[in-house]
Amino acid sequence: RFQRRYPELLGALQLAVPQVSAATRLGYRVQAVPLDQATATRLCEALATEKTGCLVVPR
């Protein structure tokens, strides 16, 4: 669903969607791989303009 919402940003990326839980809530974390640091940062900045949270996690 996330790729369909932002096809111009995520369309060509391989996404992993692990399920995560925090306290009493269940959610999903979307991971786009493989990206270098600069590309990941630009992607997060673009998603931020769409009011979507993003965090670059180095491998």
Protein backbone atom coordinates (compact mmCIF):
# COMPACT_ATOMS: atom_id res chain seq x y z
CA ARG A 1 0.00 0.00 0.00
CA PHE A 2 2.85 2.39 0.83
CA GLN A 3 4.41 1.91 -2.62
CA ARG A 4 1.07 2.65 -4.30
CA ARG A 5 0.69 5.82 -2.23
CA TYR A 6 4.13 7.16 -3.23
CA PRO A 7 4.94 5.49 -6.57
CA GLU A 8 7.22 8.30 -7.74
CA LEU A 9 9.37 7.95 -4.61
CA LEU A 10 9.22 4.22 -3.88
CA GLY A 11 8.19 2.56 -7.12
CA ALA A 12 11.58 1.09 -8.05
CA LEU A 13 12.69 0.18 -4.53
CA GLN A 14 12.61 -3.22 -2.87
CA LEU A 15 10.62 -2.88 0.37
CA ALA A 16 10.66 -5.06 3.47
CA VAL A 17 7.68 -4.70 5.82
CA PRO A 18 8.34 -6.36 9.19
CA GLN A 19 5.61 -6.29 11.83
CA VAL A 20 6.54 -4.45 15.05
CA SER A 21 4.82 -4.07 18.40
CA ALA A 22 5.20 -1.37 21.01
CA ALA A 23 3.34 -1.64 24.31
CA THR A 24 -0.27 -2.34 23.29
CA ARG A 25 -0.02 -1.23 19.66
CA LEU A 26 0.84 -3.27 16.60
CA GLY A 27 2.29 -1.66 13.50
CA TYR A 28 4.54 -2.13 10.51
CA ARG A 29 7.94 -0.71 9.67
CA VAL A 30 8.69 -0.13 6.01
CA GLN A 31 12.34 -0.63 5.07
CA ALA A 32 13.61 0.39 1.64
CA VAL A 33 16.76 -1.46 0.61
CA PRO A 34 19.42 -1.10 -0.66
CA LEU A 35 20.05 2.64 -0.48
CA ASP A 36 23.20 4.62 0.18
CA GLN A 37 23.17 7.26 2.94
CA ALA A 38 22.69 10.26 0.61
CA THR A 39 19.84 8.66 -1.35
CA ALA A 40 18.10 7.54 1.84
CA THR A 41 18.36 11.05 3.27
CA ARG A 42 16.85 12.57 0.11
CA LEU A 43 14.04 10.01 0.20
CA CYS A 44 13.26 10.88 3.83
CA GLU A 45 13.23 14.59 3.00
CA ALA A 46 10.79 13.95 0.14
CA LEU A 47 8.55 11.84 2.38
CA ALA A 48 8.64 14.56 5.04
CA THR A 49 7.11 17.00 2.55
CA GLU A 50 4.22 14.50 2.30
CA LYS A 51 3.86 14.49 6.12
CA THR A 52 5.21 10.94 6.34
CA GLY A 53 7.77 10.04 8.99
CA CYS A 54 11.09 8.61 7.93
CA LEU A 55 14.33 7.66 9.65
CA VAL A 56 17.62 6.72 8.00
CA VAL A 57 19.21 3.78 9.80
CA PRO A 58 22.78 3.00 8.73
CA ARG A 59 23.66 -0.65 8.17
